[in-house]
Amino acid sequence: MTTLRQNGSLFTNIQNNIATIEFGHPASNSFPSELLDRLTKEFNKLSLNDEIVVIILKSEGEKAFCAGASFDELVAISNLEEGEKFFAGFANVINAMRTCSKLIVGRVQGKIVGGGVGLASACDYVLATEAASIKLSELTIGIGPFVIEPAVKRKIGLAALSELTLDATSWKNAYWAKEKGLYAKVFESIKELDDEVDVFAQKLASYNPSALAKMKKVLWQNTNNWDALLLERAKISGELVLSEFTKTALAKFSKK
């Protein structure tokens, strides 16, 4: 399935029991609401497909993996309903990844910011290149990574989450992310990354699908409250994005 629109692109290729989802957007693979919604629906659909054993999540190009939320949409939010709905988009994707019956392998070729870190954290296994530095810069514009926090903390722990969140202007390199548990392996080049993603996905696809599905549930135990929790967090972000501090900060970025 291929969808090409102004609000980004989404392409899914299914081969040898492996589904590869590739998302893209001209603004460093950032996510407008429509693309978040389409990605959520894609995970939900693939979860029900008995022919699929493993899902690979990747983004297009060789630069940024994901720049997080669409800046244009953030600036355009004018009321609480719009704000809550926008941030709920990330909540819905993470919950779709969490409840998906298939194991999800993240293929990260470049930098990740904000909500993109949440997507990587919601993958069950992530392979990355040396260029895949991460940053949670939300505090610099007066909001915070509230929606993605449960997923990120589950992967890297509270201490690393605090460091990443509070030092909001600094990039953490790929080896820091590996040391903290976000990445399983880090490679020097995209070719090495793609080779390993291919080999690893094929290995997983050769295993007992029932065992993998049960293992997925075990890995995500004690997260059933996330359906409500992440939407509550979306409301917090929706309120903060309307604050005078955030509106001023976003206006400054718009002028750059």
C-alpha atoms as a PDB file:
ATOM      1  CA  MET A   1       0.000   0.000   0.000  1.00  0.00           C
ATOM      2  CA  THR A   2       1.328   3.412  -0.931  1.00  0.00           C
ATOM      3  CA  THR A   3      -0.131   6.747   0.107  1.00  0.00           C
ATOM      4  CA  LEU A   4       1.452   9.981  -1.081  1.00  0.00           C
ATOM      5  CA  ARG A   5      -0.057  13.236   0.154  1.00  0.00           C
ATOM      6  CA  GLN A   6       0.905  16.688   1.205  1.00  0.00           C
ATOM      7  CA  ASN A   7       0.856  15.492   4.807  1.00  0.00           C
ATOM      8  CA  GLY A   8       3.543  12.887   4.250  1.00  0.00           C
ATOM      9  CA  SER A   9       3.817   9.422   2.799  1.00  0.00           C
ATOM     10  CA  LEU A  10       3.294   5.910   4.111  1.00  0.00           C
ATOM     11  CA  PHE A  11       4.352   2.778   2.279  1.00  0.00           C
ATOM     12  CA  THR A  12       4.005  -0.837   3.419  1.00  0.00           C
ATOM     13  CA  ASN A  13       5.763  -3.711   1.698  1.00  0.00           C
ATOM     14  CA  ILE A  14       5.005  -7.306   2.675  1.00  0.00           C
ATOM     15  CA  GLN A  15       7.454 -10.034   1.746  1.00  0.00           C
ATOM     16  CA  ASN A  16       8.370 -13.393   3.298  1.00  0.00           C
ATOM     17  CA  ASN A  17       6.128 -12.820   6.337  1.00  0.00           C
ATOM     18  CA  ILE A  18       7.827  -9.476   7.027  1.00  0.00           C
ATOM     19  CA  ALA A  19       5.965  -6.160   6.719  1.00  0.00           C
ATOM     20  CA  THR A  20       8.122  -3.068   6.238  1.00  0.00           C
ATOM     21  CA  ILE A  21       6.431   0.245   7.015  1.00  0.00           C
ATOM     22  CA  GLU A  22       8.207   3.314   5.645  1.00  0.00           C
ATOM     23  CA  PHE A  23       6.981   6.779   6.572  1.00  0.00           C
ATOM     24  CA  GLY A  24       8.202  10.074   5.204  1.00  0.00           C
ATOM     25  CA  HIS A  25       7.687  13.812   5.306  1.00  0.00           C
ATOM     26  CA  PRO A  26       9.619  16.651   3.617  1.00  0.00           C
ATOM     27  CA  ALA A  27      10.229  18.305   7.018  1.00  0.00           C
ATOM     28  CA  SER A  28      12.789  15.798   8.338  1.00  0.00           C
ATOM     29  CA  ASN A  29      10.211  12.998   8.544  1.00  0.00           C
ATOM     30  CA  SER A  30       8.116  14.870  11.100  1.00  0.00           C
ATOM     31  CA  PHE A  31       4.536  13.890  11.889  1.00  0.00           C
ATOM     32  CA  PRO A  32       1.420  15.904  11.110  1.00  0.00           C
ATOM     33  CA  SER A  33      -1.827  14.549  12.585  1.00  0.00           C
ATOM     34  CA  GLU A  34      -2.923  12.842   9.398  1.00  0.00           C
ATOM     35  CA  LEU A  35       0.278  10.814   9.118  1.00  0.00           C
ATOM     36  CA  LEU A  36       0.058   9.772  12.785  1.00  0.00           C
ATOM     37  CA  ASP A  37      -3.489   8.583  12.193  1.00  0.00           C
ATOM     38  CA  ARG A  38      -2.519   6.599   9.120  1.00  0.00           C
ATOM     39  CA  LEU A  39       0.399   4.960  10.935  1.00  0.00           C
ATOM     40  CA  THR A  40      -1.878   3.979  13.833  1.00  0.00           C
ATOM     41  CA  LYS A  41      -4.363   2.372  11.453  1.00  0.00           C
ATOM     42  CA  GLU A  42      -1.546   0.559   9.638  1.00  0.00           C
ATOM     43  CA  PHE A  43      -0.245  -1.040  12.836  1.00  0.00           C
ATOM     44  CA  ASN A  44      -3.775  -2.067  13.813  1.00  0.00           C
ATOM     45  CA  LYS A  45      -4.363  -3.606  10.401  1.00  0.00           C
ATOM     46  CA  LEU A  46      -1.054  -5.486  10.285  1.00  0.00           C
ATOM     47  CA  SER A  47      -1.668  -6.806  13.783  1.00  0.00           C
ATOM     48  CA  LEU A  48      -4.626  -8.790  12.395  1.00  0.00           C
ATOM     49  CA  ASN A  49      -2.774 -10.121   9.329  1.00  0.00           C
ATOM     50  CA  ASP A  50      -1.903 -13.800   9.927  1.00  0.00           C
ATOM     51  CA  GLU A  51       0.594 -13.788   7.064  1.00  0.00           C
ATOM     52  CA  ILE A  52       2.837 -11.340   8.907  1.00  0.00           C
ATOM     53  CA  VAL A  53       5.223 -12.386  11.666  1.00  0.00           C
ATOM     54  CA  VAL A  54       7.458  -9.312  12.016  1.00  0.00           C
ATOM     55  CA  ILE A  55       7.130  -5.575  11.288  1.00  0.00           C
ATOM     56  CA  ILE A  56      10.040  -3.279  10.402  1.00  0.00           C
ATOM     57  CA  LEU A  57       9.520   0.437  11.009  1.00  0.00           C
ATOM     58  CA  LYS A  58      11.710   2.803   9.009  1.00  0.00           C
ATOM     59  CA  SER A  59      11.669   6.300   7.558  1.00  0.00           C
ATOM     60  CA  GLU A  60      12.652   7.526   4.132  1.00  0.00           C
ATOM     61  CA  GLY A  61      15.964   9.064   3.151  1.00  0.00           C
ATOM     62  CA  GLU A  62      19.395   8.928   4.717  1.00  0.00           C
ATOM     63  CA  LYS A  63      19.182  11.857   7.137  1.00  0.00           C
ATOM     64  CA  ALA A  64      16.802  12.293  10.080  1.00  0.00           C
ATOM     65  CA  PHE A  65      14.776   9.308  11.229  1.00  0.00           C
ATOM     66  CA  CYS A  66      12.072  11.525  12.708  1.00  0.00           C
ATOM     67  CA  ALA A  67      11.863  15.157  13.804  1.00  0.00           C
ATOM     68  CA  GLY A  68       8.829  14.530  16.005  1.00  0.00           C
ATOM     69  CA  ALA A  69       5.678  16.598  15.861  1.00  0.00           C
ATOM     70  CA  SER A  70       4.860  18.807  12.888  1.00  0.00           C
ATOM     71  CA  PHE A  71       6.026  22.317  13.753  1.00  0.00           C
ATOM     72  CA  ASP A  72       3.417  23.894  11.489  1.00  0.00           C
ATOM     73  CA  GLU A  73       0.601  22.098  13.300  1.00  0.00           C
ATOM     74  CA  LEU A  74       2.003  22.980  16.725  1.00  0.00           C
ATOM     75  CA  VAL A  75       1.980  26.659  15.777  1.00  0.00           C
ATOM     76  CA  ALA A  76      -1.580  26.418  14.431  1.00  0.00           C
ATOM     77  CA  ILE A  77      -3.142  24.935  17.595  1.00  0.00           C
ATOM     78  CA  SER A  78      -5.639  27.514  18.901  1.00  0.00           C
ATOM     79  CA  ASN A  79      -7.727  25.723  21.537  1.00  0.00           C
ATOM     80  CA  LEU A  80      -7.594  22.867  24.036  1.00  0.00           C
ATOM     81  CA  GLU A  81      -9.560  20.458  21.848  1.00  0.00           C
ATOM     82  CA  GLU A  82      -7.133  20.910  18.948  1.00  0.00           C
ATOM     83  CA  GLY A  83      -4.132  20.571  21.239  1.00  0.00           C
ATOM     84  CA  GLU A  84      -5.384  17.437  22.953  1.00  0.00           C
ATOM     85  CA  LYS A  85      -6.335  15.863  19.618  1.00  0.00           C
ATOM     86  CA  PHE A  86      -2.911  16.565  18.112  1.00  0.00           C
ATOM     87  CA  PHE A  87      -0.933  15.039  20.977  1.00  0.00           C
ATOM     88  CA  ALA A  88      -3.373  12.124  21.143  1.00  0.00           C
ATOM     89  CA  GLY A  89      -1.999  11.206  17.716  1.00  0.00           C
ATOM     90  CA  PHE A  90       1.282  10.138  19.309  1.00  0.00           C
ATOM     91  CA  ALA A  91      -0.603   8.406  22.122  1.00  0.00           C
ATOM     92  CA  ASN A  92      -2.589   6.384  19.597  1.00  0.00           C
ATOM     93  CA  VAL A  93       0.492   5.319  17.621  1.00  0.00           C
ATOM     94  CA  ILE A  94       2.383   4.196  20.727  1.00  0.00           C
ATOM     95  CA  ASN A  95      -0.642   2.258  21.971  1.00  0.00           C
ATOM     96  CA  ALA A  96      -1.081   0.650  18.542  1.00  0.00           C
ATOM     97  CA  MET A  97       2.567  -0.432  18.624  1.00  0.00           C
ATOM     98  CA  ARG A  98       2.199  -1.673  22.194  1.00  0.00           C
ATOM     99  CA  THR A  99      -0.891  -3.779  21.476  1.00  0.00           C
ATOM    100  CA  CYS A 100       0.214  -4.936  18.021  1.00  0.00           C
ATOM    101  CA  SER A 101       0.451  -8.733  18.000  1.00  0.00           C
ATOM    102  CA  LYS A 102       3.646  -8.597  15.905  1.00  0.00           C
ATOM    103  CA  LEU A 103       7.132  -7.778  17.107  1.00  0.00           C
ATOM    104  CA  ILE A 104       8.305  -4.421  15.752  1.00  0.00           C
ATOM    105  CA  VAL A 105      11.916  -3.831  14.721  1.00  0.00           C
ATOM    106  CA  GLY A 106      12.982  -0.191  14.445  1.00  0.00           C
ATOM    107  CA  ARG A 107      15.489   0.757  11.739  1.00  0.00           C
ATOM    108  CA  VAL A 108      16.962   4.141  12.686  1.00  0.00           C
ATOM    109  CA  GLN A 109      19.332   5.759  10.183  1.00  0.00           C
ATOM    110  CA  GLY A 110      19.613   9.275  11.620  1.00  0.00           C
ATOM    111  CA  LYS A 111      18.727  11.791  14.296  1.00  0.00           C
ATOM    112  CA  ILE A 112      15.556  11.538  16.366  1.00  0.00           C
ATOM    113  CA  VAL A 113      13.790  14.356  18.187  1.00  0.00           C
ATOM    114  CA  GLY A 114      10.793  14.454  20.522  1.00  0.00           C
ATOM    115  CA  GLY A 115       7.935  12.200  19.483  1.00  0.00           C
ATOM    116  CA  GLY A 116      10.298  10.255  17.246  1.00  0.00           C
ATOM    117  CA  VAL A 117      12.134   9.086  20.374  1.00  0.00           C
ATOM    118  CA  GLY A 118       8.763   7.822  21.585  1.00  0.00           C
ATOM    119  CA  LEU A 119       8.268   5.823  18.391  1.00  0.00           C
ATOM    120  CA  ALA A 120      11.725   4.258  18.678  1.00  0.00           C
ATOM    121  CA  SER A 121      11.047   3.430  22.321  1.00  0.00           C
ATOM    122  CA  ALA A 122       7.783   1.720  21.393  1.00  0.00           C
ATOM    123  CA  CYS A 123       9.623  -0.649  19.045  1.00  0.00           C
ATOM    124  CA  ASP A 124      10.498  -4.038  20.518  1.00  0.00           C
ATOM    125  CA  TYR A 125      14.031  -4.020  19.126  1.00  0.00           C
ATOM    126  CA  VAL A 126      15.949  -1.149  17.547  1.00  0.00           C
ATOM    127  CA  LEU A 127      18.993  -1.136  15.276  1.00  0.00           C
ATOM    128  CA  ALA A 128      20.656   2.189  14.461  1.00  0.00           C
ATOM    129  CA  THR A 129      23.627   3.936  12.867  1.00  0.00           C
ATOM    130  CA  GLU A 130      26.216   6.150  14.539  1.00  0.00           C
ATOM    131  CA  ALA A 131      24.304   9.147  13.142  1.00  0.00           C
ATOM    132  CA  ALA A 132      21.211   8.277  15.219  1.00  0.00           C
ATOM    133  CA  SER A 133      21.618  10.844  18.011  1.00  0.00           C
ATOM    134  CA  ILE A 134      18.572  11.636  20.134  1.00  0.00           C
ATOM    135  CA  LYS A 135      17.142  14.725  21.813  1.00  0.00           C
ATOM    136  CA  LEU A 136      14.040  15.602  23.819  1.00  0.00           C
ATOM    137  CA  SER A 137      13.796  19.357  23.352  1.00  0.00           C
ATOM    138  CA  GLU A 138      10.191  19.883  24.466  1.00  0.00           C
ATOM    139  CA  LEU A 139      11.013  21.895  27.595  1.00  0.00           C
ATOM    140  CA  THR A 140      12.706  24.547  25.456  1.00  0.00           C
ATOM    141  CA  ILE A 141       9.316  25.519  24.016  1.00  0.00           C
ATOM    142  CA  GLY A 142       7.386  25.237  27.269  1.00  0.00           C
ATOM    143  CA  ILE A 143       5.871  21.788  26.900  1.00  0.00           C
ATOM    144  CA  GLY A 144       7.279  18.372  27.853  1.00  0.00           C
ATOM    145  CA  PRO A 145       7.523  14.800  26.527  1.00  0.00           C
ATOM    146  CA  PHE A 146       4.510  13.764  28.591  1.00  0.00           C
ATOM    147  CA  VAL A 147       2.825  11.454  26.074  1.00  0.00           C
ATOM    148  CA  ILE A 148       5.959   9.530  25.164  1.00  0.00           C
ATOM    149  CA  GLU A 149       7.416   9.475  28.706  1.00  0.00           C
ATOM    150  CA  PRO A 150       6.022   6.043  29.682  1.00  0.00           C
ATOM    151  CA  ALA A 151       7.476   4.424  26.554  1.00  0.00           C
ATOM    152  CA  VAL A 152      10.864   6.132  26.882  1.00  0.00           C
ATOM    153  CA  LYS A 153      11.159   5.431  30.615  1.00  0.00           C
ATOM    154  CA  ARG A 154      10.233   1.781  30.052  1.00  0.00           C
ATOM    155  CA  LYS A 155      13.193   1.496  27.673  1.00  0.00           C
ATOM    156  CA  ILE A 156      15.952   3.608  29.224  1.00  0.00           C
ATOM    157  CA  GLY A 157      14.918   4.042  32.875  1.00  0.00           C
ATOM    158  CA  LEU A 158      14.106   7.060  35.016  1.00  0.00           C
ATOM    159  CA  ALA A 159      17.649   8.408  35.447  1.00  0.00           C
ATOM    160  CA  ALA A 160      18.368   8.442  31.702  1.00  0.00           C
ATOM    161  CA  LEU A 161      14.922   9.890  30.987  1.00  0.00           C
ATOM    162  CA  SER A 162      15.593  12.713  33.448  1.00  0.00           C
ATOM    163  CA  GLU A 163      18.964  13.445  31.854  1.00  0.00           C
ATOM    164  CA  LEU A 164      17.514  13.427  28.353  1.00  0.00           C
ATOM    165  CA  THR A 165      14.482  15.549  29.262  1.00  0.00           C
ATOM    166  CA  LEU A 166      16.055  18.167  31.528  1.00  0.00           C
ATOM    167  CA  ASP A 167      19.150  18.703  29.361  1.00  0.00           C
ATOM    168  CA  ALA A 168      16.769  19.721  26.611  1.00  0.00           C
ATOM    169  CA  THR A 169      19.271  21.447  24.310  1.00  0.00           C
ATOM    170  CA  SER A 170      21.821  18.628  24.106  1.00  0.00           C
ATOM    171  CA  TRP A 171      22.058  15.724  21.718  1.00  0.00           C
ATOM    172  CA  LYS A 172      22.875  12.298  23.149  1.00  0.00           C
ATOM    173  CA  ASN A 173      24.834  10.181  20.690  1.00  0.00           C
ATOM    174  CA  ALA A 174      23.865   6.737  19.447  1.00  0.00           C
ATOM    175  CA  TYR A 175      26.266   4.972  21.798  1.00  0.00           C
ATOM    176  CA  TRP A 176      24.671   6.728  24.782  1.00  0.00           C
ATOM    177  CA  ALA A 177      21.300   5.503  23.520  1.00  0.00           C
ATOM    178  CA  LYS A 178      22.681   1.970  23.173  1.00  0.00           C
ATOM    179  CA  GLU A 179      24.208   2.043  26.649  1.00  0.00           C
ATOM    180  CA  LYS A 180      20.851   3.117  28.102  1.00  0.00           C
ATOM    181  CA  GLY A 181      18.949   0.387  26.255  1.00  0.00           C
ATOM    182  CA  LEU A 182      17.155   2.245  23.465  1.00  0.00           C
ATOM    183  CA  TYR A 183      19.268   0.677  20.728  1.00  0.00           C
ATOM    184  CA  ALA A 184      20.314  -2.976  20.626  1.00  0.00           C
ATOM    185  CA  LYS A 185      23.175  -2.419  18.161  1.00  0.00           C
ATOM    186  CA  VAL A 186      24.834   0.559  16.465  1.00  0.00           C
ATOM    187  CA  PHE A 187      26.472   0.422  13.017  1.00  0.00           C
ATOM    188  CA  GLU A 188      28.903   2.683  11.182  1.00  0.00           C
ATOM    189  CA  SER A 189      26.953   2.817   7.931  1.00  0.00           C
ATOM    190  CA  ILE A 190      23.398   2.572   6.608  1.00  0.00           C
ATOM    191  CA  LYS A 191      24.421  -0.433   4.495  1.00  0.00           C
ATOM    192  CA  GLU A 192      25.581  -2.313   7.585  1.00  0.00           C
ATOM    193  CA  LEU A 193      22.363  -1.312   9.324  1.00  0.00           C
ATOM    194  CA  ASP A 194      20.175  -2.536   6.477  1.00  0.00           C
ATOM    195  CA  ASP A 195      22.071  -5.817   6.205  1.00  0.00           C
ATOM    196  CA  GLU A 196      21.574  -6.497   9.912  1.00  0.00           C
ATOM    197  CA  VAL A 197      17.911  -5.454   9.867  1.00  0.00           C
ATOM    198  CA  ASP A 198      17.328  -7.882   6.994  1.00  0.00           C
ATOM    199  CA  VAL A 199      19.130 -10.783   8.685  1.00  0.00           C
ATOM    200  CA  PHE A 200      17.516 -10.165  12.052  1.00  0.00           C
ATOM    201  CA  ALA A 201      13.988  -9.835  10.649  1.00  0.00           C
ATOM    202  CA  GLN A 202      14.411 -13.047   8.665  1.00  0.00           C
ATOM    203  CA  LYS A 203      15.534 -14.863  11.809  1.00  0.00           C
ATOM    204  CA  LEU A 204      12.491 -13.644  13.715  1.00  0.00           C
ATOM    205  CA  ALA A 205      10.207 -14.566  10.824  1.00  0.00           C
ATOM    206  CA  SER A 206      11.514 -18.157  10.975  1.00  0.00           C
ATOM    207  CA  TYR A 207      10.443 -18.588  14.612  1.00  0.00           C
ATOM    208  CA  ASN A 208       7.108 -19.899  15.884  1.00  0.00           C
ATOM    209  CA  PRO A 209       4.618 -17.027  15.365  1.00  0.00           C
ATOM    210  CA  SER A 210       2.623 -18.096  18.429  1.00  0.00           C
ATOM    211  CA  ALA A 211       5.735 -17.977  20.603  1.00  0.00           C
ATOM    212  CA  LEU A 212       6.617 -14.527  19.275  1.00  0.00           C
ATOM    213  CA  ALA A 213       3.090 -13.226  19.906  1.00  0.00           C
ATOM    214  CA  LYS A 214       3.150 -14.524  23.476  1.00  0.00           C
ATOM    215  CA  MET A 215       6.630 -13.057  23.988  1.00  0.00           C
ATOM    216  CA  LYS A 216       5.321  -9.692  22.787  1.00  0.00           C
ATOM    217  CA  LYS A 217       2.639  -9.778  25.485  1.00  0.00           C
ATOM    218  CA  VAL A 218       5.221 -10.654  28.134  1.00  0.00           C
ATOM    219  CA  LEU A 219       7.464  -7.778  27.055  1.00  0.00           C
ATOM    220  CA  TRP A 220       4.583  -5.333  27.441  1.00  0.00           C
ATOM    221  CA  GLN A 221       3.139  -6.607  30.706  1.00  0.00           C
ATOM    222  CA  ASN A 222       1.754  -4.035  33.142  1.00  0.00           C
ATOM    223  CA  THR A 223       1.041  -1.429  30.456  1.00  0.00           C
ATOM    224  CA  ASN A 224      -2.715  -1.977  30.107  1.00  0.00           C
ATOM    225  CA  ASN A 225      -3.343   1.397  31.734  1.00  0.00           C
ATOM    226  CA  TRP A 226      -1.605   3.196  28.857  1.00  0.00           C
ATOM    227  CA  ASP A 227      -4.818   3.523  26.837  1.00  0.00           C
ATOM    228  CA  ALA A 228      -6.075   6.016  29.409  1.00  0.00           C
ATOM    229  CA  LEU A 229      -2.708   7.274  30.672  1.00  0.00           C
ATOM    230  CA  LEU A 230      -1.347   8.464  27.332  1.00  0.00           C
ATOM    231  CA  LEU A 231      -4.565  10.308  26.516  1.00  0.00           C
ATOM    232  CA  GLU A 232      -4.388  12.010  29.916  1.00  0.00           C
ATOM    233  CA  ARG A 233      -0.844  13.057  29.052  1.00  0.00           C
ATOM    234  CA  ALA A 234      -2.062  14.366  25.684  1.00  0.00           C
ATOM    235  CA  LYS A 235      -4.422  16.682  27.574  1.00  0.00           C
ATOM    236  CA  ILE A 236      -1.494  18.038  29.633  1.00  0.00           C
ATOM    237  CA  SER A 237       0.483  18.783  26.473  1.00  0.00           C
ATOM    238  CA  GLY A 238      -2.604  20.243  24.835  1.00  0.00           C
ATOM    239  CA  GLU A 239      -2.971  22.723  27.702  1.00  0.00           C
ATOM    240  CA  LEU A 240       0.709  23.674  27.791  1.00  0.00           C
ATOM    241  CA  VAL A 241       0.956  24.332  24.049  1.00  0.00           C
ATOM    242  CA  LEU A 242      -1.612  27.111  24.532  1.00  0.00           C
ATOM    243  CA  SER A 243       0.447  28.830  27.243  1.00  0.00           C
ATOM    244  CA  GLU A 244       1.888  32.274  26.637  1.00  0.00           C
ATOM    245  CA  PHE A 245       5.404  30.863  27.153  1.00  0.00           C
ATOM    246  CA  THR A 246       4.956  28.282  24.411  1.00  0.00           C
ATOM    247  CA  LYS A 247       3.250  30.653  21.975  1.00  0.00           C
ATOM    248  CA  THR A 248       6.152  33.099  22.390  1.00  0.00           C
ATOM    249  CA  ALA A 249       8.753  30.341  21.995  1.00  0.00           C
ATOM    250  CA  LEU A 250       7.088  28.942  18.879  1.00  0.00           C
ATOM    251  CA  ALA A 251       6.869  32.445  17.378  1.00  0.00           C
ATOM    252  CA  LYS A 252      10.623  32.886  17.868  1.00  0.00           C
ATOM    253  CA  PHE A 253      11.329  29.592  16.100  1.00  0.00           C
ATOM    254  CA  SER A 254       8.980  30.585  13.267  1.00  0.00           C
ATOM    255  CA  LYS A 255      11.087  33.700  12.591  1.00  0.00           C
ATOM    256  CA  LYS A 256      14.350  31.753  12.282  1.00  0.00           C
END
